[in-house]
N, C-alpha and C. Protein backbone atom coordinates (compact mmCIF):
# COMPACT_ATOMS: atom_id res chain seq x y z
N MET A 1 9.50 -7.52 4.13
CA MET A 1 8.48 -7.43 3.36
C MET A 1 8.13 -8.62 2.63
N ASP A 2 9.09 -9.63 2.68
CA ASP A 2 8.93 -10.81 1.95
C ASP A 2 7.78 -11.59 2.57
N GLU A 3 7.53 -11.37 3.88
CA GLU A 3 6.37 -11.82 4.61
C GLU A 3 4.88 -11.42 3.96
N LEU A 4 4.87 -10.04 3.78
CA LEU A 4 3.83 -9.34 3.37
C LEU A 4 3.49 -9.86 1.89
N ILE A 5 4.44 -9.93 1.00
CA ILE A 5 4.26 -10.27 -0.45
C ILE A 5 4.05 -11.72 -0.53
N ALA A 6 4.44 -12.61 0.41
CA ALA A 6 4.03 -14.13 0.41
C ALA A 6 2.60 -14.06 0.83
N LEU A 7 2.12 -13.21 1.61
CA LEU A 7 0.63 -13.20 2.26
C LEU A 7 -0.20 -12.74 1.08
N LEU A 8 0.01 -11.80 0.38
CA LEU A 8 -0.63 -11.38 -0.69
C LEU A 8 -0.74 -12.35 -1.96
N VAL A 9 0.51 -13.15 -2.27
CA VAL A 9 0.41 -14.11 -3.15
C VAL A 9 -0.57 -15.23 -2.78
N ALA A 10 -0.55 -15.56 -1.52
CA ALA A 10 -1.25 -16.69 -0.96
C ALA A 10 -2.93 -16.33 -0.88
N LYS A 11 -2.99 -15.15 -0.35
CA LYS A 11 -4.60 -14.91 0.20
C LYS A 11 -5.22 -14.19 -1.10
N VAL A 12 -4.56 -13.33 -1.90
CA VAL A 12 -5.12 -12.56 -3.17
C VAL A 12 -5.07 -13.43 -4.27
N GLY A 13 -4.05 -14.25 -4.44
CA GLY A 13 -3.95 -15.09 -5.64
C GLY A 13 -3.25 -14.34 -6.73
N ILE A 14 -2.33 -13.54 -6.37
CA ILE A 14 -1.52 -12.70 -7.37
C ILE A 14 0.00 -13.22 -7.46
N ASP A 15 0.65 -12.99 -8.53
CA ASP A 15 2.06 -13.46 -8.49
C ASP A 15 2.95 -12.40 -7.89
N GLN A 16 4.13 -12.85 -7.49
CA GLN A 16 4.86 -12.08 -6.66
C GLN A 16 5.33 -10.71 -7.18
N ALA A 17 5.43 -10.62 -8.55
CA ALA A 17 5.82 -9.27 -9.10
C ALA A 17 4.76 -8.27 -9.12
N VAL A 18 3.66 -8.66 -9.12
CA VAL A 18 2.33 -7.89 -9.11
C VAL A 18 2.17 -7.42 -7.61
N ALA A 19 2.23 -8.41 -6.67
CA ALA A 19 2.31 -8.11 -5.34
C ALA A 19 3.31 -7.05 -4.96
N GLN A 20 4.49 -7.12 -5.37
CA GLN A 20 5.45 -5.99 -5.22
C GLN A 20 5.09 -4.82 -5.73
N LYS A 21 4.43 -4.71 -6.89
CA LYS A 21 4.09 -3.52 -7.38
C LYS A 21 3.06 -2.82 -6.88
N ALA A 22 2.00 -3.76 -6.41
CA ALA A 22 0.81 -3.23 -5.62
C ALA A 22 1.36 -2.68 -4.14
N VAL A 23 2.22 -3.15 -3.64
CA VAL A 23 2.71 -2.72 -2.23
C VAL A 23 3.35 -1.39 -2.54
N ALA A 24 4.14 -1.27 -3.62
CA ALA A 24 4.81 -0.10 -3.80
C ALA A 24 3.82 1.01 -4.20
N ILE A 25 2.96 0.78 -4.84
CA ILE A 25 1.75 1.73 -5.25
C ILE A 25 1.10 2.20 -3.86
N ILE A 26 0.88 1.19 -2.89
CA ILE A 26 0.20 1.62 -1.77
C ILE A 26 1.07 2.61 -0.85
N PHE A 27 2.29 2.09 -0.73
CA PHE A 27 3.30 2.93 0.19
C PHE A 27 3.57 4.41 -0.67
N ASP A 28 3.48 4.39 -1.85
CA ASP A 28 3.83 5.59 -2.53
C ASP A 28 2.61 6.48 -2.21
N PHE A 29 1.36 5.95 -2.34
CA PHE A 29 0.26 6.62 -2.09
C PHE A 29 0.19 7.20 -0.76
N LEU A 30 0.60 6.40 0.15
CA LEU A 30 0.47 6.90 1.68
C LEU A 30 1.50 8.01 1.81
N SER A 31 2.78 7.75 1.24
CA SER A 31 3.79 8.68 1.52
C SER A 31 3.19 10.12 0.92
N LYS A 32 2.48 10.07 -0.10
CA LYS A 32 1.89 11.41 -0.69
C LYS A 32 0.69 12.00 0.03
N GLU A 33 -0.13 10.91 0.53
CA GLU A 33 -1.33 11.47 1.01
C GLU A 33 -1.50 11.58 2.54
N ALA A 34 -0.69 10.94 3.25
CA ALA A 34 -0.78 10.84 4.69
C ALA A 34 0.45 11.76 5.41
N PRO A 35 0.16 12.30 6.42
CA PRO A 35 1.36 12.99 7.08
C PRO A 35 2.62 12.28 7.22
N ALA A 36 3.72 12.78 6.88
CA ALA A 36 4.99 12.36 6.91
C ALA A 36 5.39 11.57 8.13
N ASP A 37 5.02 12.12 9.25
CA ASP A 37 5.48 11.63 10.58
C ASP A 37 4.56 10.46 10.82
N LYS A 38 3.63 10.43 10.36
CA LYS A 38 2.65 9.17 10.63
C LYS A 38 3.04 7.94 9.74
N VAL A 39 3.55 8.34 8.62
CA VAL A 39 3.76 7.23 7.60
C VAL A 39 5.12 6.75 7.90
N LYS A 40 6.06 7.69 8.55
CA LYS A 40 7.33 7.19 8.98
C LYS A 40 7.13 6.26 10.31
N ALA A 41 6.20 6.67 11.18
CA ALA A 41 5.86 5.74 12.34
C ALA A 41 5.49 4.34 11.89
N LEU A 42 4.66 4.34 10.94
CA LEU A 42 4.05 3.08 10.46
C LEU A 42 5.13 2.33 9.79
N LEU A 43 5.84 2.77 8.91
CA LEU A 43 6.99 2.12 8.18
C LEU A 43 8.05 1.69 9.19
N GLY A 44 8.15 2.24 10.32
CA GLY A 44 9.03 1.98 11.33
C GLY A 44 8.88 0.47 11.89
N HIS A 45 7.50 0.13 11.89
CA HIS A 45 7.05 -1.20 12.44
C HIS A 45 6.97 -2.24 11.60
N LEU A 46 7.22 -1.82 10.18
CA LEU A 46 7.09 -2.99 9.25
C LEU A 46 8.59 -3.28 8.76
N PRO A 47 8.89 -4.54 9.16
CA PRO A 47 10.20 -5.04 8.73
C PRO A 47 10.59 -4.78 7.45
N GLY A 48 11.62 -4.13 7.02
CA GLY A 48 12.15 -3.95 5.68
C GLY A 48 11.47 -2.99 4.80
N ALA A 49 10.44 -2.29 5.29
CA ALA A 49 9.64 -1.36 4.62
C ALA A 49 10.42 -0.39 3.85
N GLU A 50 11.33 0.32 4.68
CA GLU A 50 12.28 1.32 4.22
C GLU A 50 13.00 0.99 3.06
N GLN A 51 13.66 -0.21 3.19
CA GLN A 51 14.55 -0.66 2.08
C GLN A 51 13.64 -1.03 0.80
N PHE A 52 12.57 -1.58 1.14
CA PHE A 52 11.47 -1.96 0.06
C PHE A 52 11.26 -0.67 -0.67
N MET A 53 10.81 0.46 -0.14
CA MET A 53 10.50 1.65 -0.89
C MET A 53 11.73 2.31 -1.57
N GLN A 54 12.86 2.22 -1.08
CA GLN A 54 13.99 2.55 -1.76
C GLN A 54 14.19 1.79 -2.90
N ALA A 55 14.02 0.51 -2.83
CA ALA A 55 14.27 -0.54 -3.83
C ALA A 55 13.36 -0.44 -5.14
N HIS A 56 12.16 0.06 -4.64
CA HIS A 56 10.82 0.12 -5.46
C HIS A 56 10.56 1.66 -5.91
N ALA A 57 11.45 2.63 -5.62
CA ALA A 57 11.21 3.90 -5.78
C ALA A 57 10.70 4.31 -7.24
N GLY A 58 9.71 4.93 -7.58
CA GLY A 58 9.28 5.26 -8.88
C GLY A 58 8.32 4.28 -9.35
N GLU A 59 8.04 2.96 -8.68
CA GLU A 59 7.09 1.98 -9.20
C GLU A 59 5.83 2.55 -8.94
N GLY A 60 5.48 3.48 -7.83
CA GLY A 60 4.29 3.89 -7.50
C GLY A 60 3.89 5.06 -8.29
N GLY A 61 4.85 5.71 -8.84
CA GLY A 61 4.48 6.79 -9.74
C GLY A 61 3.70 6.66 -11.04
N GLY A 62 3.27 7.66 -11.51
CA GLY A 62 2.34 7.53 -12.84
C GLY A 62 2.65 8.08 -14.10
N GLY A 63 3.50 8.97 -14.12
CA GLY A 63 3.75 9.68 -15.40
C GLY A 63 3.12 10.96 -15.46
N MET A 64 3.13 11.58 -16.63
CA MET A 64 2.68 12.99 -16.85
C MET A 64 1.12 13.21 -16.39
N PHE A 65 0.36 12.17 -16.89
CA PHE A 65 -1.14 12.46 -16.68
C PHE A 65 -1.79 11.42 -15.57
N ALA A 66 -0.95 11.16 -14.53
CA ALA A 66 -1.29 10.52 -13.58
C ALA A 66 -2.35 11.10 -12.68
N MET A 67 -3.26 10.19 -12.31
CA MET A 67 -4.39 10.80 -11.44
C MET A 67 -3.92 10.47 -9.88
N GLY A 68 -4.08 11.34 -9.14
CA GLY A 68 -3.65 11.15 -7.53
C GLY A 68 -4.66 10.67 -6.89
N GLY A 69 -4.56 10.60 -5.46
CA GLY A 69 -5.56 10.12 -4.42
C GLY A 69 -5.93 8.68 -4.54
N LEU A 70 -6.95 8.38 -3.99
CA LEU A 70 -7.52 7.05 -3.92
C LEU A 70 -7.57 6.43 -5.34
N MET A 71 -8.27 7.20 -6.25
CA MET A 71 -8.61 6.77 -7.40
C MET A 71 -7.57 6.38 -8.22
N GLY A 72 -6.45 7.39 -8.13
CA GLY A 72 -5.07 7.20 -8.89
C GLY A 72 -4.43 5.85 -8.48
N ALA A 73 -4.35 5.60 -7.13
CA ALA A 73 -3.70 4.41 -6.57
C ALA A 73 -4.65 3.19 -7.22
N GLY A 74 -5.64 3.27 -7.14
CA GLY A 74 -6.54 1.91 -7.73
C GLY A 74 -6.36 1.78 -9.10
N THR A 75 -6.29 2.83 -9.84
CA THR A 75 -6.06 2.80 -11.43
C THR A 75 -4.64 2.30 -11.56
N LYS A 76 -3.67 2.66 -10.86
CA LYS A 76 -2.16 2.18 -10.97
C LYS A 76 -2.05 0.69 -10.76
N MET A 77 -2.76 0.18 -9.67
CA MET A 77 -2.90 -1.15 -9.46
C MET A 77 -3.62 -1.89 -10.43
N MET A 78 -4.73 -1.44 -11.02
CA MET A 78 -5.44 -2.11 -12.13
C MET A 78 -4.58 -2.25 -13.40
N ALA A 79 -3.63 -1.07 -13.66
CA ALA A 79 -2.80 -1.11 -14.78
C ALA A 79 -1.65 -2.11 -14.56
N ALA A 80 -1.33 -2.48 -13.29
CA ALA A 80 -0.30 -3.46 -12.98
C ALA A 80 -0.84 -4.93 -13.23
N GLY A 81 -2.03 -4.96 -13.38
CA GLY A 81 -2.64 -6.23 -13.68
C GLY A 81 -3.72 -6.75 -12.67
N LEU A 82 -4.04 -6.03 -11.88
CA LEU A 82 -4.97 -6.50 -10.64
C LEU A 82 -6.53 -6.13 -11.09
N SER A 83 -7.39 -6.93 -10.79
CA SER A 83 -8.86 -6.67 -11.00
C SER A 83 -9.41 -5.74 -9.93
N MET A 84 -10.57 -5.28 -9.98
CA MET A 84 -11.02 -4.36 -8.95
C MET A 84 -11.08 -5.29 -7.46
N GLY A 85 -11.62 -6.39 -7.57
CA GLY A 85 -11.69 -7.21 -6.47
C GLY A 85 -10.34 -7.51 -5.71
N GLN A 86 -9.28 -7.66 -6.78
CA GLN A 86 -7.95 -7.89 -6.37
C GLN A 86 -7.35 -6.65 -5.45
N VAL A 87 -7.64 -5.34 -6.16
CA VAL A 87 -7.17 -4.24 -5.64
C VAL A 87 -7.79 -4.06 -4.09
N GLN A 88 -9.00 -4.25 -3.92
CA GLN A 88 -9.87 -4.19 -2.74
C GLN A 88 -9.02 -5.27 -1.61
N GLY A 89 -8.85 -6.49 -2.27
CA GLY A 89 -8.17 -7.59 -1.42
C GLY A 89 -6.70 -7.29 -0.99
N VAL A 90 -5.90 -6.72 -1.94
CA VAL A 90 -4.62 -6.29 -1.58
C VAL A 90 -4.56 -5.12 -0.50
N THR A 91 -5.47 -4.28 -0.71
CA THR A 91 -5.44 -3.06 0.17
C THR A 91 -5.90 -3.52 1.48
N ARG A 92 -6.82 -4.42 1.58
CA ARG A 92 -7.19 -4.87 2.98
C ARG A 92 -6.16 -5.63 3.68
N GLU A 93 -5.47 -6.62 2.79
CA GLU A 93 -4.55 -7.35 3.57
C GLU A 93 -3.20 -6.56 3.80
N VAL A 94 -2.89 -5.56 3.16
CA VAL A 94 -1.80 -4.51 3.67
C VAL A 94 -2.14 -3.93 4.70
N ILE A 95 -3.41 -3.29 4.88
CA ILE A 95 -3.76 -2.62 6.14
C ILE A 95 -3.85 -3.59 7.39
N ALA A 96 -4.32 -4.88 7.11
CA ALA A 96 -4.45 -5.68 8.30
C ALA A 96 -3.06 -6.09 8.73
N TYR A 97 -2.12 -6.42 7.79
CA TYR A 97 -0.70 -6.82 8.00
C TYR A 97 -0.12 -5.51 8.77
N ALA A 98 -0.28 -4.31 8.41
CA ALA A 98 0.25 -3.13 8.89
C ALA A 98 -0.43 -3.02 10.59
N ARG A 99 -1.72 -3.37 10.53
CA ARG A 99 -2.27 -3.35 11.83
C ARG A 99 -1.75 -4.35 12.73
N GLU A 100 -1.59 -5.58 12.36
CA GLU A 100 -0.78 -6.51 13.12
C GLU A 100 0.55 -6.23 13.67
N LYS A 101 1.41 -5.47 12.75
CA LYS A 101 2.75 -5.14 13.11
C LYS A 101 2.80 -3.82 13.89
N ALA A 102 2.03 -2.92 13.49
CA ALA A 102 2.10 -1.53 14.29
C ALA A 102 1.13 -1.23 15.15
N GLY A 103 0.01 -1.98 15.09
CA GLY A 103 -1.08 -1.81 16.16
C GLY A 103 -2.03 -0.98 15.67
N ASP A 104 -3.17 -0.75 16.35
CA ASP A 104 -4.37 -0.18 15.99
C ASP A 104 -4.23 1.27 15.97
N ASP A 105 -3.47 1.95 16.92
CA ASP A 105 -3.31 3.20 16.84
C ASP A 105 -2.65 3.93 15.85
N VAL A 106 -1.34 3.29 15.56
CA VAL A 106 -0.51 3.81 14.45
C VAL A 106 -1.42 3.63 13.10
N ILE A 107 -1.83 2.53 12.74
CA ILE A 107 -2.60 2.46 11.45
C ILE A 107 -4.07 3.33 11.46
N GLY A 108 -4.45 3.45 12.68
CA GLY A 108 -5.72 4.26 12.97
C GLY A 108 -5.38 5.83 12.56
N GLU A 109 -4.09 6.22 12.90
CA GLU A 109 -3.79 7.67 12.64
C GLU A 109 -3.51 7.78 11.04
N VAL A 110 -2.92 6.88 10.51
CA VAL A 110 -2.55 6.95 9.03
C VAL A 110 -3.74 6.94 8.23
N VAL A 111 -4.75 6.00 8.47
CA VAL A 111 -6.08 5.82 7.83
C VAL A 111 -6.92 7.10 8.11
N GLY A 112 -6.99 7.47 9.25
CA GLY A 112 -7.67 8.65 9.55
C GLY A 112 -7.33 10.00 8.88
N ALA A 113 -5.95 10.11 8.65
CA ALA A 113 -5.58 11.25 8.01
C ALA A 113 -5.71 11.45 6.57
N VAL A 114 -6.15 10.40 5.95
CA VAL A 114 -6.37 10.43 4.48
C VAL A 114 -7.77 10.30 4.28
N PRO A 115 -8.51 11.36 3.86
CA PRO A 115 -9.89 11.35 3.53
C PRO A 115 -10.37 10.34 2.66
N GLY A 116 -11.43 9.63 2.93
CA GLY A 116 -11.99 8.61 2.16
C GLY A 116 -11.29 7.19 2.38
N LEU A 117 -10.13 7.06 2.96
CA LEU A 117 -9.48 5.63 2.89
C LEU A 117 -10.13 4.65 3.80
N SER A 118 -10.74 5.26 4.96
CA SER A 118 -11.52 4.39 5.84
C SER A 118 -12.56 3.47 4.93
N GLN A 119 -13.12 4.11 4.08
CA GLN A 119 -14.27 3.32 3.40
C GLN A 119 -13.91 2.25 2.52
N PHE A 120 -12.48 2.12 2.17
CA PHE A 120 -11.91 1.15 1.36
C PHE A 120 -11.19 -0.23 2.04
N ILE A 121 -11.41 -0.01 3.42
CA ILE A 121 -10.55 -1.14 4.16
C ILE A 121 -11.57 -1.75 5.23
């Protein structure tokens, strides 16, 4: 996951801690919104993803009044210090990285399984 975090720092212009938080939020979102088997297949192609999720468990959560879905994930990333443009940039870069590592079919199944996600990438 170090490669992905470094990519986000370089391309989106955010610091490492914020990049890690954003990736944790995205992975948490996918694990809640997409079918478990499709997310597991995706994470299996991303070196260190399982360990990253374990290390950052709870960072993608939101507390008692947390909003779910796409809006909730975006709100959590903005609360972590990202602007709306950075949220979009991070999301696009994470999906592009996942597509590069896992292939179009795997990422297409995950994105296709989450209503509305394709509009944001």
